[in-house]
Amino acid sequence: MAGPGVVVTEGNYLALDAHGWRGARGRIDLLLMLDVAQDELIRRLIARHEALGHSRAKAAHWVRTVDVPNAALVAASAERCDEVWRAG
């Protein structure tokens, strides 16, 4: 049964124009992207991995090789979002 309502979700890939994700955008009425400066993003991501018990070196390696490339992929989809909010 479908009806009116609001669904709030988080998902870095919801704006991607790529196989498996392309259809998601058409189902979203308002899509926002939060843009965080890369140096701040890296700092936060390393801290998150360290909080999970990873060493600083392992956390930094993961951020550099996985998280930063993923962030670039997501950032390339900004034009498919209704608004981009920049964190100060």
PDB file of N, CA and C in Angstrom:
ATOM      1  N   MET A   1       0.836  -1.168   0.000  1.00  0.00           N
ATOM      2  CA  MET A   1       0.000   0.000   0.000  1.00  0.00           C
ATOM      3  C   MET A   1       0.884   1.234   0.000  1.00  0.00           C
ATOM      4  N   ALA A   2       0.720   2.097  -0.957  1.00  0.00           N
ATOM      5  CA  ALA A   2       1.508   3.325  -1.042  1.00  0.00           C
ATOM      6  C   ALA A   2       0.639   4.498  -0.606  1.00  0.00           C
ATOM      7  N   GLY A   3       1.274   5.483  -0.042  1.00  0.00           N
ATOM      8  CA  GLY A   3       0.549   6.669   0.379  1.00  0.00           C
ATOM      9  C   GLY A   3       1.518   7.782   0.664  1.00  0.00           C
ATOM     10  N   PRO A   4       0.996   8.915   1.074  1.00  0.00           N
ATOM     11  CA  PRO A   4       1.885  10.037   1.359  1.00  0.00           C
ATOM     12  C   PRO A   4       2.740   9.747   2.588  1.00  0.00           C
ATOM     13  N   GLY A   5       3.880  10.350   2.615  1.00  0.00           N
ATOM     14  CA  GLY A   5       4.776  10.165   3.743  1.00  0.00           C
ATOM     15  C   GLY A   5       6.140  10.730   3.434  1.00  0.00           C
ATOM     16  N   VAL A   6       6.977  10.640   4.407  1.00  0.00           N
ATOM     17  CA  VAL A   6       8.342  11.130   4.260  1.00  0.00           C
ATOM     18  C   VAL A   6       9.294  10.015   4.653  1.00  0.00           C
ATOM     19  N   VAL A   7      10.275   9.795   3.824  1.00  0.00           N
ATOM     20  CA  VAL A   7      11.335   8.851   4.123  1.00  0.00           C
ATOM     21  C   VAL A   7      12.641   9.628   4.076  1.00  0.00           C
ATOM     22  N   VAL A   8      13.397   9.561   5.147  1.00  0.00           N
ATOM     23  CA  VAL A   8      14.704  10.202   5.202  1.00  0.00           C
ATOM     24  C   VAL A   8      15.741   9.090   5.215  1.00  0.00           C
ATOM     25  N   THR A   9      16.684   9.191   4.300  1.00  0.00           N
ATOM     26  CA  THR A   9      17.709   8.159   4.205  1.00  0.00           C
ATOM     27  C   THR A   9      19.064   8.809   3.977  1.00  0.00           C
ATOM     28  N   GLU A  10      20.089   8.052   4.178  1.00  0.00           N
ATOM     29  CA  GLU A  10      21.458   8.504   3.925  1.00  0.00           C
ATOM     30  C   GLU A  10      22.051   7.535   2.931  1.00  0.00           C
ATOM     31  N   GLY A  11      22.735   8.070   1.945  1.00  0.00           N
ATOM     32  CA  GLY A  11      23.378   7.187   0.995  1.00  0.00           C
ATOM     33  C   GLY A  11      24.256   7.982   0.054  1.00  0.00           C
ATOM     34  N   ASN A  12      25.535   7.732   0.118  1.00  0.00           N
ATOM     35  CA  ASN A  12      26.475   8.487  -0.693  1.00  0.00           C
ATOM     36  C   ASN A  12      26.287   8.273  -2.183  1.00  0.00           C
ATOM     37  N   TYR A  13      25.724   7.154  -2.584  1.00  0.00           N
ATOM     38  CA  TYR A  13      25.668   6.809  -3.998  1.00  0.00           C
ATOM     39  C   TYR A  13      24.311   7.091  -4.642  1.00  0.00           C
ATOM     40  N   LEU A  14      23.372   7.677  -3.926  1.00  0.00           N
ATOM     41  CA  LEU A  14      22.012   7.850  -4.430  1.00  0.00           C
ATOM     42  C   LEU A  14      21.915   8.731  -5.666  1.00  0.00           C
ATOM     43  N   ALA A  15      22.886   9.579  -5.912  1.00  0.00           N
ATOM     44  CA  ALA A  15      22.856  10.459  -7.087  1.00  0.00           C
ATOM     45  C   ALA A  15      23.660   9.904  -8.260  1.00  0.00           C
ATOM     46  N   LEU A  16      24.316   8.773  -8.080  1.00  0.00           N
ATOM     47  CA  LEU A  16      25.158   8.247  -9.159  1.00  0.00           C
ATOM     48  C   LEU A  16      24.349   7.947 -10.416  1.00  0.00           C
ATOM     49  N   ASP A  17      24.912   8.306 -11.541  1.00  0.00           N
ATOM     50  CA  ASP A  17      24.332   7.979 -12.841  1.00  0.00           C
ATOM     51  C   ASP A  17      25.079   6.761 -13.367  1.00  0.00           C
ATOM     52  N   ALA A  18      24.917   5.649 -12.652  1.00  0.00           N
ATOM     53  CA  ALA A  18      25.636   4.422 -12.985  1.00  0.00           C
ATOM     54  C   ALA A  18      24.702   3.232 -12.801  1.00  0.00           C
ATOM     55  N   HIS A  19      25.006   2.165 -13.497  1.00  0.00           N
ATOM     56  CA  HIS A  19      24.215   0.949 -13.413  1.00  0.00           C
ATOM     57  C   HIS A  19      24.005   0.556 -11.945  1.00  0.00           C
ATOM     58  N   GLY A  20      22.761   0.245 -11.625  1.00  0.00           N
ATOM     59  CA  GLY A  20      22.445  -0.163 -10.266  1.00  0.00           C
ATOM     60  C   GLY A  20      22.030   0.987  -9.366  1.00  0.00           C
ATOM     61  N   TRP A  21      22.409   2.199  -9.714  1.00  0.00           N
ATOM     62  CA  TRP A  21      22.073   3.382  -8.918  1.00  0.00           C
ATOM     63  C   TRP A  21      21.203   4.373  -9.671  1.00  0.00           C
ATOM     64  N   ARG A  22      21.262   4.368 -10.984  1.00  0.00           N
ATOM     65  CA  ARG A  22      20.593   5.369 -11.821  1.00  0.00           C
ATOM     66  C   ARG A  22      19.114   5.517 -11.467  1.00  0.00           C
ATOM     67  N   GLY A  23      18.420   4.435 -11.251  1.00  0.00           N
ATOM     68  CA  GLY A  23      16.992   4.474 -10.972  1.00  0.00           C
ATOM     69  C   GLY A  23      16.641   5.064  -9.621  1.00  0.00           C
ATOM     70  N   ALA A  24      17.556   5.047  -8.689  1.00  0.00           N
ATOM     71  CA  ALA A  24      17.269   5.566  -7.348  1.00  0.00           C
ATOM     72  C   ALA A  24      16.924   7.045  -7.404  1.00  0.00           C
ATOM     73  N   ARG A  25      17.634   7.805  -8.212  1.00  0.00           N
ATOM     74  CA  ARG A  25      17.428   9.256  -8.259  1.00  0.00           C
ATOM     75  C   ARG A  25      16.003   9.613  -8.653  1.00  0.00           C
ATOM     76  N   GLY A  26      15.417   8.872  -9.558  1.00  0.00           N
ATOM     77  CA  GLY A  26      14.064   9.150 -10.012  1.00  0.00           C
ATOM     78  C   GLY A  26      12.998   8.928  -8.950  1.00  0.00           C
ATOM     79  N   ARG A  27      13.341   8.242  -7.881  1.00  0.00           N
ATOM     80  CA  ARG A  27      12.393   7.957  -6.798  1.00  0.00           C
ATOM     81  C   ARG A  27      12.541   8.921  -5.632  1.00  0.00           C
ATOM     82  N   ILE A  28      13.458   9.861  -5.743  1.00  0.00           N
ATOM     83  CA  ILE A  28      13.740  10.775  -4.637  1.00  0.00           C
ATOM     84  C   ILE A  28      13.254  12.170  -5.003  1.00  0.00           C
ATOM     85  N   ASP A  29      12.398  12.729  -4.161  1.00  0.00           N
ATOM     86  CA  ASP A  29      11.847  14.060  -4.417  1.00  0.00           C
ATOM     87  C   ASP A  29      12.834  15.176  -4.107  1.00  0.00           C
ATOM     88  N   LEU A  30      13.638  15.000  -3.094  1.00  0.00           N
ATOM     89  CA  LEU A  30      14.608  16.015  -2.697  1.00  0.00           C
ATOM     90  C   LEU A  30      15.895  15.308  -2.310  1.00  0.00           C
ATOM     91  N   LEU A  31      16.953  15.572  -3.057  1.00  0.00           N
ATOM     92  CA  LEU A  31      18.242  14.931  -2.799  1.00  0.00           C
ATOM     93  C   LEU A  31      19.265  16.004  -2.454  1.00  0.00           C
ATOM     94  N   LEU A  32      19.839  15.883  -1.276  1.00  0.00           N
ATOM     95  CA  LEU A  32      20.827  16.833  -0.788  1.00  0.00           C
ATOM     96  C   LEU A  32      22.184  16.153  -0.712  1.00  0.00           C
ATOM     97  N   MET A  33      23.223  16.916  -0.995  1.00  0.00           N
ATOM     98  CA  MET A  33      24.588  16.422  -0.833  1.00  0.00           C
ATOM     99  C   MET A  33      25.288  17.333   0.157  1.00  0.00           C
ATOM    100  N   LEU A  34      26.005  16.734   1.079  1.00  0.00           N
ATOM    101  CA  LEU A  34      26.815  17.495   2.023  1.00  0.00           C
ATOM    102  C   LEU A  34      28.249  17.482   1.521  1.00  0.00           C
ATOM    103  N   ASP A  35      28.780  18.661   1.252  1.00  0.00           N
ATOM    104  CA  ASP A  35      30.142  18.819   0.738  1.00  0.00           C
ATOM    105  C   ASP A  35      31.045  19.267   1.885  1.00  0.00           C
ATOM    106  N   VAL A  36      32.039  18.466   2.179  1.00  0.00           N
ATOM    107  CA  VAL A  36      32.987  18.758   3.251  1.00  0.00           C
ATOM    108  C   VAL A  36      34.363  18.899   2.611  1.00  0.00           C
ATOM    109  N   ALA A  37      35.119  19.900   3.013  1.00  0.00           N
ATOM    110  CA  ALA A  37      36.473  20.086   2.476  1.00  0.00           C
ATOM    111  C   ALA A  37      37.275  18.795   2.644  1.00  0.00           C
ATOM    112  N   GLN A  38      38.077  18.476   1.629  1.00  0.00           N
ATOM    113  CA  GLN A  38      38.772  17.194   1.624  1.00  0.00           C
ATOM    114  C   GLN A  38      39.661  16.987   2.850  1.00  0.00           C
ATOM    115  N   ASP A  39      40.379  18.003   3.287  1.00  0.00           N
ATOM    116  CA  ASP A  39      41.244  17.807   4.458  1.00  0.00           C
ATOM    117  C   ASP A  39      40.431  17.487   5.710  1.00  0.00           C
ATOM    118  N   GLU A  40      39.269  18.123   5.862  1.00  0.00           N
ATOM    119  CA  GLU A  40      38.394  17.834   6.993  1.00  0.00           C
ATOM    120  C   GLU A  40      37.771  16.445   6.851  1.00  0.00           C
ATOM    121  N   LEU A  41      37.380  16.084   5.654  1.00  0.00           N
ATOM    122  CA  LEU A  41      36.819  14.768   5.406  1.00  0.00           C
ATOM    123  C   LEU A  41      37.830  13.681   5.761  1.00  0.00           C
ATOM    124  N   ILE A  42      39.048  13.854   5.324  1.00  0.00           N
ATOM    125  CA  ILE A  42      40.102  12.870   5.621  1.00  0.00           C
ATOM    126  C   ILE A  42      40.322  12.766   7.119  1.00  0.00           C
ATOM    127  N   ARG A  43      40.369  13.889   7.804  1.00  0.00           N
ATOM    128  CA  ARG A  43      40.562  13.884   9.259  1.00  0.00           C
ATOM    129  C   ARG A  43      39.436  13.103   9.940  1.00  0.00           C
ATOM    130  N   ARG A  44      38.206  13.368   9.541  1.00  0.00           N
ATOM    131  CA  ARG A  44      37.050  12.687  10.143  1.00  0.00           C
ATOM    132  C   ARG A  44      37.052  11.193   9.843  1.00  0.00           C
ATOM    133  N   LEU A  45      37.380  10.843   8.610  1.00  0.00           N
ATOM    134  CA  LEU A  45      37.376   9.431   8.239  1.00  0.00           C
ATOM    135  C   LEU A  45      38.462   8.653   8.977  1.00  0.00           C
ATOM    136  N   ILE A  46      39.643   9.210   9.082  1.00  0.00           N
ATOM    137  CA  ILE A  46      40.708   8.541   9.834  1.00  0.00           C
ATOM    138  C   ILE A  46      40.278   8.355  11.281  1.00  0.00           C
ATOM    139  N   ALA A  47      39.697   9.386  11.878  1.00  0.00           N
ATOM    140  CA  ALA A  47      39.233   9.288  13.267  1.00  0.00           C
ATOM    141  C   ALA A  47      38.173   8.196  13.410  1.00  0.00           C
ATOM    142  N   ARG A  48      37.270   8.098  12.426  1.00  0.00           N
ATOM    143  CA  ARG A  48      36.232   7.059  12.493  1.00  0.00           C
ATOM    144  C   ARG A  48      36.848   5.666  12.463  1.00  0.00           C
ATOM    145  N   HIS A  49      37.813   5.450  11.575  1.00  0.00           N
ATOM    146  CA  HIS A  49      38.461   4.136  11.484  1.00  0.00           C
ATOM    147  C   HIS A  49      39.257   3.830  12.747  1.00  0.00           C
ATOM    148  N   GLU A  50      39.909   4.841  13.302  1.00  0.00           N
ATOM    149  CA  GLU A  50      40.641   4.627  14.559  1.00  0.00           C
ATOM    150  C   GLU A  50      39.674   4.271  15.689  1.00  0.00           C
ATOM    151  N   ALA A  51      38.513   4.894  15.707  1.00  0.00           N
ATOM    152  CA  ALA A  51      37.515   4.589  16.742  1.00  0.00           C
ATOM    153  C   ALA A  51      37.017   3.149  16.629  1.00  0.00           C
ATOM    154  N   LEU A  52      37.123   2.576  15.438  1.00  0.00           N
ATOM    155  CA  LEU A  52      36.752   1.176  15.230  1.00  0.00           C
ATOM    156  C   LEU A  52      37.875   0.218  15.620  1.00  0.00           C
ATOM    157  N   GLY A  53      39.007   0.776  16.067  1.00  0.00           N
ATOM    158  CA  GLY A  53      40.106  -0.056  16.544  1.00  0.00           C
ATOM    159  C   GLY A  53      41.263  -0.235  15.582  1.00  0.00           C
ATOM    160  N   HIS A  54      41.220   0.435  14.438  1.00  0.00           N
ATOM    161  CA  HIS A  54      42.320   0.322  13.482  1.00  0.00           C
ATOM    162  C   HIS A  54      43.463   1.247  13.880  1.00  0.00           C
ATOM    163  N   SER A  55      44.675   0.848  13.541  1.00  0.00           N
ATOM    164  CA  SER A  55      45.830   1.711  13.791  1.00  0.00           C
ATOM    165  C   SER A  55      45.728   2.946  12.907  1.00  0.00           C
ATOM    166  N   ARG A  56      46.430   3.992  13.283  1.00  0.00           N
ATOM    167  CA  ARG A  56      46.417   5.209  12.475  1.00  0.00           C
ATOM    168  C   ARG A  56      46.929   4.921  11.056  1.00  0.00           C
ATOM    169  N   ALA A  57      47.982   4.125  10.948  1.00  0.00           N
ATOM    170  CA  ALA A  57      48.546   3.810   9.629  1.00  0.00           C
ATOM    171  C   ALA A  57      47.537   3.043   8.769  1.00  0.00           C
ATOM    172  N   LYS A  58      46.882   2.044   9.358  1.00  0.00           N
ATOM    173  CA  LYS A  58      45.900   1.274   8.605  1.00  0.00           C
ATOM    174  C   LYS A  58      44.711   2.155   8.220  1.00  0.00           C
ATOM    175  N   ALA A  59      44.272   2.990   9.154  1.00  0.00           N
ATOM    176  CA  ALA A  59      43.151   3.893   8.877  1.00  0.00           C
ATOM    177  C   ALA A  59      43.501   4.862   7.754  1.00  0.00           C
ATOM    178  N   ALA A  60      44.678   5.453   7.821  1.00  0.00           N
ATOM    179  CA  ALA A  60      45.094   6.420   6.799  1.00  0.00           C
ATOM    180  C   ALA A  60      45.215   5.750   5.433  1.00  0.00           C
ATOM    181  N   HIS A  61      45.733   4.525   5.410  1.00  0.00           N
ATOM    182  CA  HIS A  61      45.860   3.790   4.142  1.00  0.00           C
ATOM    183  C   HIS A  61      44.475   3.539   3.536  1.00  0.00           C
ATOM    184  N   TRP A  62      43.528   3.077   4.356  1.00  0.00           N
ATOM    185  CA  TRP A  62      42.181   2.807   3.868  1.00  0.00           C
ATOM    186  C   TRP A  62      41.529   4.085   3.333  1.00  0.00           C
ATOM    187  N   VAL A  63      41.661   5.160   4.079  1.00  0.00           N
ATOM    188  CA  VAL A  63      41.068   6.426   3.661  1.00  0.00           C
ATOM    189  C   VAL A  63      41.653   6.863   2.323  1.00  0.00           C
ATOM    190  N   ARG A  64      42.972   6.771   2.185  1.00  0.00           N
ATOM    191  CA  ARG A  64      43.640   7.211   0.957  1.00  0.00           C
ATOM    192  C   ARG A  64      43.290   6.330  -0.241  1.00  0.00           C
ATOM    193  N   THR A  65      43.165   5.019  -0.028  1.00  0.00           N
ATOM    194  CA  THR A  65      42.982   4.108  -1.155  1.00  0.00           C
ATOM    195  C   THR A  65      41.526   3.744  -1.447  1.00  0.00           C
ATOM    196  N   VAL A  66      40.640   3.921  -0.473  1.00  0.00           N
ATOM    197  CA  VAL A  66      39.242   3.533  -0.661  1.00  0.00           C
ATOM    198  C   VAL A  66      38.300   4.729  -0.491  1.00  0.00           C
ATOM    199  N   ASP A  67      38.352   5.370   0.671  1.00  0.00           N
ATOM    200  CA  ASP A  67      37.380   6.430   0.969  1.00  0.00           C
ATOM    201  C   ASP A  67      37.535   7.665   0.096  1.00  0.00           C
ATOM    202  N   VAL A  68      38.756   8.129  -0.129  1.00  0.00           N
ATOM    203  CA  VAL A  68      38.952   9.336  -0.944  1.00  0.00           C
ATOM    204  C   VAL A  68      38.526   9.098  -2.401  1.00  0.00           C
ATOM    205  N   PRO A  69      38.897   7.970  -3.021  1.00  0.00           N
ATOM    206  CA  PRO A  69      38.385   7.726  -4.376  1.00  0.00           C
ATOM    207  C   PRO A  69      36.850   7.629  -4.423  1.00  0.00           C
ATOM    208  N   ASN A  70      36.241   7.014  -3.412  1.00  0.00           N
ATOM    209  CA  ASN A  70      34.782   6.949  -3.365  1.00  0.00           C
ATOM    210  C   ASN A  70      34.172   8.335  -3.207  1.00  0.00           C
ATOM    211  N   ALA A  71      34.793   9.179  -2.392  1.00  0.00           N
ATOM    212  CA  ALA A  71      34.293  10.550  -2.214  1.00  0.00           C
ATOM    213  C   ALA A  71      34.355  11.325  -3.527  1.00  0.00           C
ATOM    214  N   ALA A  72      35.400  11.101  -4.320  1.00  0.00           N
ATOM    215  CA  ALA A  72      35.519  11.769  -5.616  1.00  0.00           C
ATOM    216  C   ALA A  72      34.413  11.294  -6.563  1.00  0.00           C
ATOM    217  N   LEU A  73      34.122  10.005  -6.535  1.00  0.00           N
ATOM    218  CA  LEU A  73      33.046   9.454  -7.357  1.00  0.00           C
ATOM    219  C   LEU A  73      31.708  10.093  -6.990  1.00  0.00           C
ATOM    220  N   VAL A  74      31.446  10.187  -5.705  1.00  0.00           N
ATOM    221  CA  VAL A  74      30.198  10.783  -5.220  1.00  0.00           C
ATOM    222  C   VAL A  74      30.142  12.267  -5.587  1.00  0.00           C
ATOM    223  N   ALA A  75      31.234  12.988  -5.398  1.00  0.00           N
ATOM    224  CA  ALA A  75      31.273  14.423  -5.699  1.00  0.00           C
ATOM    225  C   ALA A  75      30.979  14.698  -7.169  1.00  0.00           C
ATOM    226  N   ALA A  76      31.348  13.782  -8.030  1.00  0.00           N
ATOM    227  CA  ALA A  76      31.100  13.960  -9.465  1.00  0.00           C
ATOM    228  C   ALA A  76      29.610  13.917  -9.799  1.00  0.00           C
ATOM    229  N   SER A  77      28.782  13.488  -8.857  1.00  0.00           N
ATOM    230  CA  SER A  77      27.336  13.412  -9.070  1.00  0.00           C
ATOM    231  C   SER A  77      26.596  14.603  -8.482  1.00  0.00           C
ATOM    232  N   ALA A  78      27.299  15.610  -8.036  1.00  0.00           N
ATOM    233  CA  ALA A  78      26.668  16.753  -7.363  1.00  0.00           C
ATOM    234  C   ALA A  78      25.593  17.413  -8.215  1.00  0.00           C
ATOM    235  N   GLU A  79      25.791  17.462  -9.522  1.00  0.00           N
ATOM    236  CA  GLU A  79      24.817  18.129 -10.393  1.00  0.00           C
ATOM    237  C   GLU A  79      23.478  17.398 -10.437  1.00  0.00           C
ATOM    238  N   ARG A  80      23.444  16.145 -10.020  1.00  0.00           N
ATOM    239  CA  ARG A  80      22.187  15.385  -9.987  1.00  0.00           C
ATOM    240  C   ARG A  80      21.418  15.606  -8.684  1.00  0.00           C
ATOM    241  N   CYS A  81      21.996  16.357  -7.768  1.00  0.00           N
ATOM    242  CA  CYS A  81      21.350  16.658  -6.499  1.00  0.00           C
ATOM    243  C   CYS A  81      20.558  17.956  -6.605  1.00  0.00           C
ATOM    244  N   ASP A  82      19.524  18.081  -5.788  1.00  0.00           N
ATOM    245  CA  ASP A  82      18.737  19.295  -5.773  1.00  0.00           C
ATOM    246  C   ASP A  82      19.490  20.438  -5.098  1.00  0.00           C
ATOM    247  N   GLU A  83      20.230  20.114  -4.081  1.00  0.00           N
ATOM    248  CA  GLU A  83      21.025  21.110  -3.371  1.00  0.00           C
ATOM    249  C   GLU A  83      22.321  20.492  -2.890  1.00  0.00           C
ATOM    250  N   VAL A  84      23.356  21.309  -2.813  1.00  0.00           N
ATOM    251  CA  VAL A  84      24.627  20.902  -2.218  1.00  0.00           C
ATOM    252  C   VAL A  84      24.868  21.852  -1.052  1.00  0.00           C
ATOM    253  N   TRP A  85      24.974  21.275   0.122  1.00  0.00           N
ATOM    254  CA  TRP A  85      25.247  22.060   1.325  1.00  0.00           C
ATOM    255  C   TRP A  85      26.719  21.934   1.647  1.00  0.00           C
ATOM    256  N   ARG A  86      27.381  23.054   1.764  1.00  0.00           N
ATOM    257  CA  ARG A  86      28.815  23.043   2.060  1.00  0.00           C
ATOM    258  C   ARG A  86      29.040  23.252   3.554  1.00  0.00           C
ATOM    259  N   ALA A  87      29.755  22.326   4.150  1.00  0.00           N
ATOM    260  CA  ALA A  87      30.068  22.420   5.577  1.00  0.00           C
ATOM    261  C   ALA A  87      31.214  23.408   5.759  1.00  0.00           C
ATOM    262  N   GLY A  88      31.061  24.297   6.691  1.00  0.00           N
ATOM    263  CA  GLY A  88      32.072  25.327   6.904  1.00  0.00           C
ATOM    264  C   GLY A  88      33.090  25.019   7.917  1.00  0.00           C
TER     265      GLY A  88
END
